[in-house]
Amino acid sequence: MGSIDNNTDSQEIVFLDDGGRVTVQKYSNPPKFYPNDRVYIITLSREGTPSREGPFIVSSVNNGKYILCDANKTPVKNGKNFEEVELELEPEDFF
């Protein structure tokens, strides 16, 4: 029947055709990044050289798409949805 996805976890609520019972079904591909993760936007120049912009904070995750914000919670690039391949997790400092 239909489904509802109101969270950013790797689960969704599904209404099955067998009497309308609600079950929890895991996504086949959980997201790579989660809210509050710090990530860089990776872009390629015409020559194919990658450049990094950021870091930014993952604001929300929806079906493999990511909305980023800056430290002031302002959406990056007018709230554009980014694909996982466009992002790179900021390395953690171990100091």
N, C-alpha and C. Protein backbone atom coordinates (compact mmCIF):
# COMPACT_ATOMS: atom_id res chain seq x y z
N MET A 1 0.84 -1.17 0.00
CA MET A 1 0.00 0.00 0.00
C MET A 1 0.88 1.23 0.00
N GLY A 2 0.92 2.08 1.04
CA GLY A 2 1.74 3.27 1.07
C GLY A 2 2.80 3.17 2.15
N SER A 3 3.62 4.17 2.23
CA SER A 3 4.64 4.19 3.27
C SER A 3 4.79 5.61 3.79
N ILE A 4 5.26 5.72 5.01
CA ILE A 4 5.53 7.01 5.64
C ILE A 4 6.98 7.01 6.05
N ASP A 5 7.70 8.08 5.70
CA ASP A 5 9.10 8.21 6.07
C ASP A 5 9.31 9.59 6.66
N ASN A 6 9.17 9.70 7.97
CA ASN A 6 9.32 10.99 8.63
C ASN A 6 10.58 11.07 9.46
N ASN A 7 11.49 10.11 9.34
CA ASN A 7 12.70 10.17 10.14
C ASN A 7 13.92 9.98 9.27
N THR A 8 15.08 10.12 9.88
CA THR A 8 16.33 9.98 9.14
C THR A 8 17.05 8.70 9.49
N ASP A 9 16.39 7.82 10.25
CA ASP A 9 17.02 6.55 10.59
C ASP A 9 16.94 5.62 9.40
N SER A 10 17.50 4.43 9.56
CA SER A 10 17.50 3.48 8.46
C SER A 10 16.30 2.54 8.53
N GLN A 11 15.14 3.07 8.92
CA GLN A 11 13.92 2.28 8.98
C GLN A 11 12.77 3.11 8.45
N GLU A 12 11.72 2.42 8.03
CA GLU A 12 10.53 3.12 7.60
C GLU A 12 9.30 2.33 8.04
N ILE A 13 8.18 3.01 8.18
CA ILE A 13 6.92 2.36 8.52
C ILE A 13 6.22 2.02 7.22
N VAL A 14 5.76 0.78 7.11
CA VAL A 14 5.11 0.31 5.89
C VAL A 14 3.77 -0.28 6.25
N PHE A 15 2.72 0.10 5.51
CA PHE A 15 1.40 -0.48 5.69
C PHE A 15 1.23 -1.57 4.65
N LEU A 16 1.18 -2.82 5.11
CA LEU A 16 1.08 -3.96 4.21
C LEU A 16 -0.37 -4.22 3.82
N ASP A 17 -0.57 -4.96 2.74
CA ASP A 17 -1.91 -5.28 2.27
C ASP A 17 -2.57 -6.38 3.09
N ASP A 18 -1.87 -7.00 4.01
CA ASP A 18 -2.45 -8.10 4.79
C ASP A 18 -3.13 -7.59 6.05
N GLY A 19 -4.26 -6.88 5.89
CA GLY A 19 -5.02 -6.40 7.02
C GLY A 19 -4.57 -5.05 7.53
N GLY A 20 -3.62 -4.40 6.89
CA GLY A 20 -3.20 -3.07 7.29
C GLY A 20 -2.33 -3.02 8.52
N ARG A 21 -1.74 -4.16 8.91
CA ARG A 21 -0.86 -4.15 10.08
C ARG A 21 0.40 -3.36 9.78
N VAL A 22 0.85 -2.62 10.77
CA VAL A 22 2.04 -1.79 10.63
C VAL A 22 3.27 -2.61 10.99
N THR A 23 4.30 -2.54 10.16
CA THR A 23 5.57 -3.20 10.44
C THR A 23 6.70 -2.20 10.20
N VAL A 24 7.86 -2.50 10.73
CA VAL A 24 9.05 -1.69 10.49
C VAL A 24 9.93 -2.46 9.54
N GLN A 25 10.33 -1.81 8.46
CA GLN A 25 11.13 -2.46 7.43
C GLN A 25 12.41 -1.66 7.26
N LYS A 26 13.56 -2.34 7.26
CA LYS A 26 14.84 -1.65 7.12
C LYS A 26 15.10 -1.33 5.66
N TYR A 27 15.74 -0.16 5.44
CA TYR A 27 16.18 0.19 4.09
C TYR A 27 17.30 -0.76 3.68
N SER A 28 17.42 -0.99 2.40
CA SER A 28 18.49 -1.85 1.93
C SER A 28 19.85 -1.13 1.99
N ASN A 29 19.85 0.18 1.88
CA ASN A 29 21.08 0.96 1.93
C ASN A 29 20.94 2.07 2.96
N PRO A 30 21.45 1.88 4.17
CA PRO A 30 21.36 2.95 5.17
C PRO A 30 22.19 4.15 4.72
N PRO A 31 21.84 5.35 5.21
CA PRO A 31 22.60 6.53 4.80
C PRO A 31 24.05 6.46 5.28
N LYS A 32 24.92 7.08 4.52
CA LYS A 32 26.34 7.11 4.86
C LYS A 32 26.63 8.19 5.91
N PHE A 33 25.86 9.28 5.88
CA PHE A 33 26.04 10.39 6.80
C PHE A 33 24.76 10.59 7.59
N TYR A 34 24.89 11.17 8.78
CA TYR A 34 23.75 11.39 9.67
C TYR A 34 23.72 12.85 10.12
N PRO A 35 22.55 13.34 10.58
CA PRO A 35 22.49 14.72 11.07
C PRO A 35 23.59 15.01 12.09
N ASN A 36 24.13 16.19 11.98
CA ASN A 36 25.23 16.70 12.81
C ASN A 36 26.61 16.20 12.40
N ASP A 37 26.71 15.32 11.40
CA ASP A 37 28.02 14.96 10.85
C ASP A 37 28.58 16.19 10.15
N ARG A 38 29.89 16.34 10.20
CA ARG A 38 30.57 17.43 9.49
C ARG A 38 31.15 16.85 8.20
N VAL A 39 30.78 17.48 7.08
CA VAL A 39 31.17 16.97 5.76
C VAL A 39 31.70 18.11 4.89
N TYR A 40 32.44 17.71 3.86
CA TYR A 40 32.90 18.63 2.82
C TYR A 40 32.11 18.34 1.55
N ILE A 41 31.87 19.39 0.76
CA ILE A 41 31.31 19.23 -0.58
C ILE A 41 32.48 19.05 -1.53
N ILE A 42 32.45 17.98 -2.32
CA ILE A 42 33.52 17.70 -3.27
C ILE A 42 33.04 18.06 -4.67
N THR A 43 33.79 18.90 -5.35
CA THR A 43 33.47 19.26 -6.74
C THR A 43 34.70 18.99 -7.60
N LEU A 44 34.44 18.70 -8.87
CA LEU A 44 35.53 18.46 -9.82
C LEU A 44 35.64 19.63 -10.78
N SER A 45 36.86 20.07 -11.03
CA SER A 45 37.08 21.12 -12.01
C SER A 45 36.95 20.51 -13.41
N ARG A 46 37.03 21.35 -14.42
CA ARG A 46 36.97 20.85 -15.80
C ARG A 46 38.12 19.90 -16.10
N GLU A 47 39.24 20.11 -15.41
CA GLU A 47 40.41 19.25 -15.60
C GLU A 47 40.28 17.95 -14.80
N GLY A 48 39.24 17.83 -13.97
CA GLY A 48 39.05 16.63 -13.17
C GLY A 48 39.71 16.69 -11.80
N THR A 49 40.20 17.86 -11.42
CA THR A 49 40.83 18.01 -10.12
C THR A 49 39.77 18.26 -9.05
N PRO A 50 39.75 17.43 -8.00
CA PRO A 50 38.74 17.63 -6.96
C PRO A 50 39.10 18.80 -6.04
N SER A 51 38.06 19.49 -5.58
CA SER A 51 38.26 20.53 -4.56
C SER A 51 37.21 20.32 -3.47
N ARG A 52 37.57 20.74 -2.27
CA ARG A 52 36.67 20.58 -1.12
C ARG A 52 36.19 21.95 -0.66
N GLU A 53 34.92 22.00 -0.31
CA GLU A 53 34.34 23.22 0.23
C GLU A 53 33.70 22.86 1.57
N GLY A 54 33.98 23.63 2.60
CA GLY A 54 33.40 23.32 3.90
C GLY A 54 34.44 23.36 4.99
N PRO A 55 34.21 22.72 6.08
CA PRO A 55 33.18 21.73 6.34
C PRO A 55 31.82 22.36 6.65
N PHE A 56 30.78 21.57 6.39
CA PHE A 56 29.40 21.93 6.69
C PHE A 56 28.81 20.86 7.59
N ILE A 57 27.64 21.14 8.12
CA ILE A 57 26.96 20.20 9.01
C ILE A 57 25.77 19.61 8.28
N VAL A 58 25.61 18.28 8.38
CA VAL A 58 24.44 17.62 7.80
C VAL A 58 23.23 18.04 8.64
N SER A 59 22.30 18.71 7.98
CA SER A 59 21.10 19.19 8.66
C SER A 59 20.01 18.13 8.65
N SER A 60 19.80 17.50 7.48
CA SER A 60 18.78 16.45 7.39
C SER A 60 19.14 15.45 6.30
N VAL A 61 18.55 14.27 6.44
CA VAL A 61 18.77 13.17 5.50
C VAL A 61 17.40 12.68 5.06
N ASN A 62 17.21 12.53 3.75
CA ASN A 62 15.94 12.03 3.25
C ASN A 62 16.18 11.21 1.99
N ASN A 63 16.00 9.90 2.10
CA ASN A 63 16.15 8.98 0.96
C ASN A 63 17.48 9.15 0.24
N GLY A 64 18.57 9.21 0.98
CA GLY A 64 19.89 9.30 0.38
C GLY A 64 20.29 10.68 -0.09
N LYS A 65 19.49 11.67 0.19
CA LYS A 65 19.80 13.06 -0.15
C LYS A 65 20.06 13.81 1.15
N TYR A 66 20.97 14.77 1.08
CA TYR A 66 21.42 15.48 2.28
C TYR A 66 21.26 16.98 2.11
N ILE A 67 20.75 17.62 3.15
CA ILE A 67 20.70 19.07 3.20
C ILE A 67 21.74 19.50 4.24
N LEU A 68 22.56 20.46 3.86
CA LEU A 68 23.65 20.92 4.71
C LEU A 68 23.38 22.32 5.23
N CYS A 69 24.01 22.66 6.35
CA CYS A 69 23.94 24.01 6.88
C CYS A 69 25.32 24.40 7.40
N ASP A 70 25.49 25.70 7.63
CA ASP A 70 26.75 26.16 8.20
C ASP A 70 26.64 26.17 9.72
N ALA A 71 27.65 26.68 10.38
CA ALA A 71 27.68 26.68 11.85
C ALA A 71 26.56 27.52 12.45
N ASN A 72 26.02 28.47 11.67
CA ASN A 72 24.92 29.32 12.13
C ASN A 72 23.55 28.74 11.79
N LYS A 73 23.52 27.48 11.32
CA LYS A 73 22.29 26.78 10.92
C LYS A 73 21.64 27.37 9.67
N THR A 74 22.40 28.11 8.87
CA THR A 74 21.92 28.63 7.60
C THR A 74 22.10 27.57 6.53
N PRO A 75 21.04 27.24 5.77
CA PRO A 75 21.17 26.22 4.72
C PRO A 75 22.24 26.60 3.69
N VAL A 76 22.99 25.61 3.26
CA VAL A 76 24.05 25.80 2.27
C VAL A 76 23.44 25.73 0.87
N LYS A 77 23.83 26.66 0.01
CA LYS A 77 23.39 26.71 -1.39
C LYS A 77 21.87 26.65 -1.50
N ASN A 78 21.22 27.49 -0.68
CA ASN A 78 19.76 27.62 -0.68
C ASN A 78 19.03 26.31 -0.40
N GLY A 79 19.61 25.46 0.43
CA GLY A 79 18.95 24.21 0.82
C GLY A 79 19.01 23.12 -0.23
N LYS A 80 19.99 23.19 -1.11
CA LYS A 80 20.16 22.18 -2.16
C LYS A 80 20.29 20.79 -1.55
N ASN A 81 19.72 19.78 -2.22
CA ASN A 81 19.90 18.39 -1.83
C ASN A 81 21.18 17.87 -2.46
N PHE A 82 22.06 17.30 -1.65
CA PHE A 82 23.32 16.75 -2.13
C PHE A 82 23.26 15.24 -2.12
N GLU A 83 23.90 14.61 -3.10
CA GLU A 83 24.04 13.17 -3.16
C GLU A 83 25.25 12.75 -2.32
N GLU A 84 25.26 11.49 -1.87
CA GLU A 84 26.39 10.98 -1.08
C GLU A 84 27.72 11.14 -1.80
N VAL A 85 27.74 10.92 -3.11
CA VAL A 85 28.99 10.99 -3.86
C VAL A 85 29.56 12.40 -3.91
N GLU A 86 28.75 13.40 -3.58
CA GLU A 86 29.22 14.78 -3.57
C GLU A 86 29.82 15.18 -2.23
N LEU A 87 29.75 14.28 -1.24
CA LEU A 87 30.15 14.63 0.12
C LEU A 87 31.27 13.73 0.62
N GLU A 88 32.05 14.27 1.54
CA GLU A 88 33.13 13.52 2.19
C GLU A 88 33.11 13.87 3.67
N LEU A 89 33.17 12.85 4.52
CA LEU A 89 33.15 13.06 5.96
C LEU A 89 34.42 13.76 6.41
N GLU A 90 34.28 14.75 7.28
CA GLU A 90 35.44 15.45 7.82
C GLU A 90 36.19 14.49 8.73
N PRO A 91 37.50 14.36 8.58
CA PRO A 91 38.26 13.48 9.46
C PRO A 91 38.21 13.97 10.90
N GLU A 92 38.15 13.05 11.83
CA GLU A 92 38.14 13.42 13.25
C GLU A 92 39.55 13.70 13.71
N ASP A 93 39.68 14.69 14.55
CA ASP A 93 40.98 15.00 15.17
C ASP A 93 41.13 14.12 16.39
N PHE A 94 42.28 13.57 16.58
CA PHE A 94 42.52 12.67 17.72
C PHE A 94 43.46 13.30 18.72
N PHE A 95 43.43 14.64 18.85
CA PHE A 95 44.30 15.33 19.79
C PHE A 95 43.65 15.49 21.11
